[in-house]
Protein backbone atom coordinates (compact mmCIF):
# COMPACT_ATOMS: atom_id res chain seq x y z
CA MET A 1 -2.62 28.32 -4.85
CA ILE A 2 -1.43 24.88 -3.80
CA LYS A 3 -3.17 22.29 -6.14
CA ILE A 4 -3.95 19.14 -4.43
CA LYS A 5 -4.36 15.85 -6.59
CA THR A 6 -8.25 15.27 -6.81
CA LYS A 7 -9.33 11.23 -7.15
CA LYS A 8 -10.31 12.00 -10.65
CA ASP A 9 -6.20 12.84 -11.10
CA GLU A 10 -5.20 9.65 -9.40
CA PHE A 11 -7.71 7.42 -11.46
CA TYR A 12 -6.26 8.77 -14.88
CA HIS A 13 -2.59 8.56 -13.59
CA PHE A 14 -2.96 4.64 -12.84
CA ASP A 15 -5.38 4.03 -15.64
CA LYS A 16 -2.70 5.39 -17.94
CA ILE A 17 0.04 3.04 -16.72
CA SER A 18 -2.03 -0.14 -16.12
CA HIS A 19 -0.87 -2.51 -18.56
CA ASP A 20 2.72 -2.36 -17.01
CA TRP A 21 2.01 -3.66 -13.87
CA TRP A 22 3.76 -6.64 -14.37
CA ASN A 23 6.66 -5.61 -16.47
CA GLU A 24 9.57 -5.55 -13.94
CA GLU A 25 11.89 -3.19 -15.85
CA GLY A 26 8.75 -0.91 -16.63
CA GLU A 27 6.87 2.34 -14.78
CA PHE A 28 6.22 -0.13 -11.67
CA LYS A 29 9.90 -0.98 -11.52
CA ALA A 30 10.52 0.13 -8.01
CA LEU A 31 7.19 -1.85 -6.66
CA HIS A 32 9.15 -5.02 -8.03
CA LYS A 33 12.10 -4.20 -6.10
CA ILE A 34 10.45 -3.72 -2.71
CA ARG A 35 7.89 -6.44 -2.78
CA PRO A 36 10.38 -9.13 -1.17
CA LEU A 37 10.39 -6.34 1.53
CA ARG A 38 6.91 -5.59 1.62
CA ILE A 39 6.22 -9.38 2.26
CA ARG A 40 8.88 -9.70 4.65
CA TYR A 41 7.28 -6.93 6.72
CA ILE A 42 4.26 -8.79 6.65
CA LEU A 43 5.46 -11.93 8.07
CA ASP A 44 7.40 -10.07 10.57
CA GLN A 45 4.55 -8.76 11.95
CA LEU A 46 2.85 -12.00 12.11
CA GLU A 47 5.75 -13.81 13.55
CA SER A 48 5.06 -16.37 10.77
CA GLU A 49 6.47 -17.66 7.83
CA LYS A 50 3.28 -19.33 6.16
CA LEU A 51 -0.40 -17.54 5.89
CA ASN A 52 -2.55 -20.16 5.75
CA ASN A 53 -5.89 -19.50 6.66
CA ILE A 54 -5.55 -15.71 7.48
CA SER A 55 -7.89 -13.67 5.47
CA PHE A 56 -6.51 -10.27 4.06
CA LEU A 57 -7.51 -7.57 2.29
CA ASP A 58 -5.13 -5.56 -0.21
CA ILE A 59 -6.65 -1.83 -0.69
CA GLY A 60 -5.36 -0.10 -3.56
CA CYS A 61 -3.96 -3.93 -5.26
CA GLY A 62 -3.35 -2.74 -8.32
CA GLY A 63 -2.23 -5.30 -10.74
CA GLY A 64 -1.75 -7.56 -7.93
CA LEU A 65 1.92 -7.62 -6.84
CA VAL A 66 0.97 -7.82 -3.08
CA CYS A 67 -1.67 -10.45 -3.77
CA GLU A 68 -0.33 -12.94 -5.61
CA SER A 69 2.99 -13.07 -3.24
CA ILE A 70 0.41 -13.59 -0.04
CA SER A 71 -1.64 -16.33 -2.28
CA LYS A 72 1.59 -18.30 -2.75
CA LEU A 73 2.17 -18.32 0.83
CA GLY A 74 -1.40 -19.64 1.65
CA GLY A 75 -3.56 -16.47 2.56
CA LYS A 76 -7.13 -16.15 1.77
CA ILE A 77 -6.67 -12.86 -0.15
CA THR A 78 -8.91 -10.11 -1.43
CA GLY A 79 -8.00 -7.51 -3.71
CA ILE A 80 -9.65 -4.07 -3.90
CA ASP A 81 -9.01 -0.90 -6.35
CA PHE A 82 -10.84 1.62 -8.34
CA VAL A 83 -9.28 1.26 -11.47
CA LYS A 84 -10.81 -1.35 -13.39
CA ASN A 85 -7.86 -1.77 -15.89
CA ASN A 86 -5.82 -2.69 -13.12
CA ILE A 87 -8.53 -5.47 -11.80
CA LYS A 88 -8.38 -6.87 -15.52
CA VAL A 89 -4.34 -6.87 -15.05
CA ALA A 90 -4.59 -8.43 -12.11
CA LYS A 91 -7.24 -11.06 -13.05
CA LYS A 92 -5.44 -12.14 -15.96
CA HIS A 93 -2.10 -12.55 -14.29
CA ALA A 94 -3.50 -14.66 -11.72
CA LEU A 95 -5.25 -16.97 -13.74
CA LYS A 96 -2.20 -17.28 -15.88
CA ASN A 97 -0.40 -18.52 -12.79
CA ASN A 98 -3.24 -20.63 -11.20
CA LEU A 99 -3.93 -18.33 -8.20
CA LYS A 100 -7.00 -18.49 -6.22
CA ILE A 101 -7.61 -14.41 -5.40
CA ASN A 102 -10.91 -12.64 -5.63
CA TYR A 103 -10.35 -9.56 -7.00
CA ILE A 104 -12.99 -6.47 -7.13
CA CYS A 105 -13.14 -3.33 -8.89
CA LYS A 106 -14.49 -0.96 -6.16
CA ASP A 107 -13.90 2.50 -4.91
CA ILE A 108 -14.02 1.77 -1.22
CA GLU A 109 -13.37 5.02 -0.15
CA LYS A 110 -16.59 6.13 -1.20
CA GLU A 111 -18.63 2.67 -1.57
CA ASN A 112 -19.46 0.47 1.21
CA TYR A 113 -18.21 -3.55 1.59
CA ILE A 114 -19.38 -5.48 4.48
CA LYS A 115 -17.01 -8.46 4.71
CA LYS A 116 -14.50 -8.74 7.11
CA PHE A 117 -10.69 -9.73 7.38
CA ASP A 118 -7.65 -10.62 9.79
CA ILE A 119 -5.59 -8.47 8.38
CA ILE A 120 -5.81 -5.42 5.99
CA ILE A 121 -3.01 -3.95 3.86
CA MET A 122 -2.75 -0.65 2.48
CA TYR A 123 0.89 -0.26 0.77
CA GLU A 124 1.00 3.25 -0.62
CA VAL A 125 -2.26 4.23 -0.45
CA LEU A 126 -3.22 6.77 2.32
CA GLU A 127 -1.57 9.39 0.51
CA HIS A 128 -3.69 8.98 -2.66
CA LEU A 129 -6.75 9.33 -0.57
CA ASP A 130 -8.79 12.65 -0.43
CA ASN A 131 -9.37 12.13 3.53
CA TRP A 132 -7.48 9.55 5.18
CA PRO A 133 -8.57 10.00 8.55
CA LYS A 134 -12.19 9.69 7.86
CA PHE A 135 -11.14 6.43 5.61
CA ILE A 136 -9.22 4.69 8.86
CA LYS A 137 -12.44 5.15 10.56
CA LYS A 138 -14.16 3.57 8.03
CA ILE A 139 -12.13 0.44 7.14
CA LYS A 140 -11.98 -0.59 10.69
CA LYS A 141 -15.35 -1.83 10.24
CA ASN A 142 -13.77 -4.53 8.03
CA LEU A 143 -11.60 -5.74 10.58
CA ASN A 144 -12.37 -8.94 13.01
CA LYS A 145 -11.86 -8.48 16.48
CA ASN A 146 -8.47 -8.16 17.42
CA GLY A 147 -7.83 -7.43 13.69
CA THR A 148 -4.59 -5.44 12.10
CA LEU A 149 -3.90 -3.10 9.86
CA ILE A 150 -0.55 -3.02 8.00
CA LEU A 151 0.35 0.05 5.59
CA SER A 152 2.89 1.92 4.01
CA THR A 153 3.41 5.57 3.16
CA LEU A 154 5.87 8.55 2.80
CA ASN A 155 6.80 11.07 5.61
CA ARG A 156 6.00 14.57 4.93
CA ASN A 157 9.48 16.54 5.06
CA LEU A 158 11.71 18.38 2.50
CA LYS A 159 13.91 15.26 2.68
CA SER A 160 10.95 13.31 1.49
CA LYS A 161 10.04 15.57 -1.07
CA TYR A 162 13.34 15.81 -2.54
CA LEU A 163 14.24 12.36 -2.52
CA SER A 164 10.48 10.64 -3.57
CA ILE A 165 9.34 13.60 -6.10
CA ILE A 166 12.83 15.31 -7.44
CA ILE A 167 14.70 12.33 -7.41
CA ALA A 168 12.73 9.15 -7.56
CA GLU A 169 10.19 10.58 -9.84
CA ASN A 170 11.50 13.43 -11.88
CA LEU A 171 15.23 12.43 -12.38
CA LEU A 172 15.81 8.90 -12.01
CA ARG A 173 11.88 8.02 -13.11
CA TRP A 174 11.87 5.07 -10.62
CA ILE A 175 8.24 5.97 -10.13
CA PRO A 176 6.18 7.10 -12.99
CA LYS A 177 6.05 10.97 -12.65
CA GLY A 178 3.04 12.32 -11.35
CA THR A 179 2.49 9.51 -8.97
CA HIS A 180 2.85 11.63 -5.70
CA ASP A 181 1.55 14.79 -4.46
CA TYR A 182 3.57 16.20 -1.71
CA ASN A 183 0.84 17.95 0.41
CA LYS A 184 -0.71 14.51 1.04
CA PHE A 185 2.39 12.72 2.47
CA ILE A 186 1.70 11.73 6.37
CA LYS A 187 3.80 12.18 9.31
CA PRO A 188 4.34 9.36 11.89
CA LYS A 189 2.92 11.26 14.77
CA GLU A 190 -0.15 12.20 12.39
CA ILE A 191 -0.33 8.31 12.02
CA GLU A 192 -0.38 7.55 15.75
CA LYS A 193 -2.71 10.49 16.45
CA VAL A 194 -5.41 8.97 14.23
CA PHE A 195 -4.89 5.79 15.14
CA LYS A 196 -5.16 6.28 19.00
CA ASN A 197 -8.38 7.93 18.20
CA GLU A 198 -10.16 5.16 16.50
CA GLY A 199 -9.09 2.80 18.79
CA PHE A 200 -5.99 1.20 17.20
CA LYS A 201 -2.45 0.52 18.92
CA ILE A 202 0.55 1.38 16.70
CA THR A 203 2.61 -2.06 17.67
CA ASN A 204 5.44 -1.02 14.84
CA PHE A 205 6.96 1.60 12.32
CA ARG A 206 9.80 0.68 10.09
CA GLY A 207 11.45 2.69 7.54
CA LEU A 208 12.71 1.93 3.87
CA ILE A 209 15.62 3.25 2.53
CA PHE A 210 17.66 2.70 -0.67
CA ASN A 211 21.33 2.19 -0.16
CA PRO A 212 23.01 3.69 -3.27
CA ILE A 213 26.29 1.84 -2.79
CA LYS A 214 25.01 -1.56 -2.65
CA TRP A 215 21.93 -0.19 -5.06
CA GLU A 216 19.01 -2.08 -2.74
CA TRP A 217 16.42 -1.11 -0.37
CA THR A 218 16.61 -2.30 3.04
CA PHE A 219 14.72 -1.76 6.54
CA SER A 220 15.79 0.81 8.81
CA GLN A 221 14.86 2.46 12.05
CA ASN A 222 14.56 5.75 9.59
CA THR A 223 11.19 6.84 8.84
CA ASP A 224 11.94 10.37 7.35
CA VAL A 225 11.28 9.01 3.88
CA ASN A 226 9.21 5.45 3.33
CA TYR A 227 7.78 4.00 6.41
CA PHE A 228 5.73 0.91 7.00
CA CYS A 229 3.19 0.75 10.24
CA THR A 230 1.18 -1.64 12.07
CA ALA A 231 -1.61 -1.20 14.02
CA LYS A 232 -4.16 -3.41 16.08
CA ILE A 233 -7.36 -2.93 17.25
CA ILE A 234 -7.92 -2.54 21.07
CA ASN A 235 -11.19 -1.46 20.92
């Protein structure tokens, strides 16, 4: 019988390592390495180098890595996470750096949140949810008219299982062991189907790959493992 990680499993996993969010050589080392690309992807999709007067919601914000980058570029950012210690770390770090970021501890998958935003970001979130298609339907209500949803997640195939779990988690320890559940990985075609049904138009897919020769992460057309996706509301 296949055991799929529950919400409680996800909470305890991230709560246990929440203290390490801003340690660039710690548990979240990989996220620090790809943070510039995460922000670059947002800027590319918005075709702008500044984010002034654009309202953002970062779901599953963790310790605030993406939130702080968006704030520094002028975006009005709210970060939500269901792990209280993540929010404590994020608030403390934002205060230390004199950044105005609205952090909220809330399980937005289960609780209602009525505020609307121009952009919603969900980086490495969908594959941790109990029912991500249902969540897409719900979170659409938090987007302004013509709003945009930007996400990243992992493809589901043997290659992604080998590279993201066996290599990245278990062997190289780039990612905290136990972070991912392969059974919850999502194929791009599944994203396309659900988003189309919910009134979104997919405007971009972009892969993220690791180059072992240069020892760096780069964008790619290859979405076999990690990939970004942008979707806009059309109705």
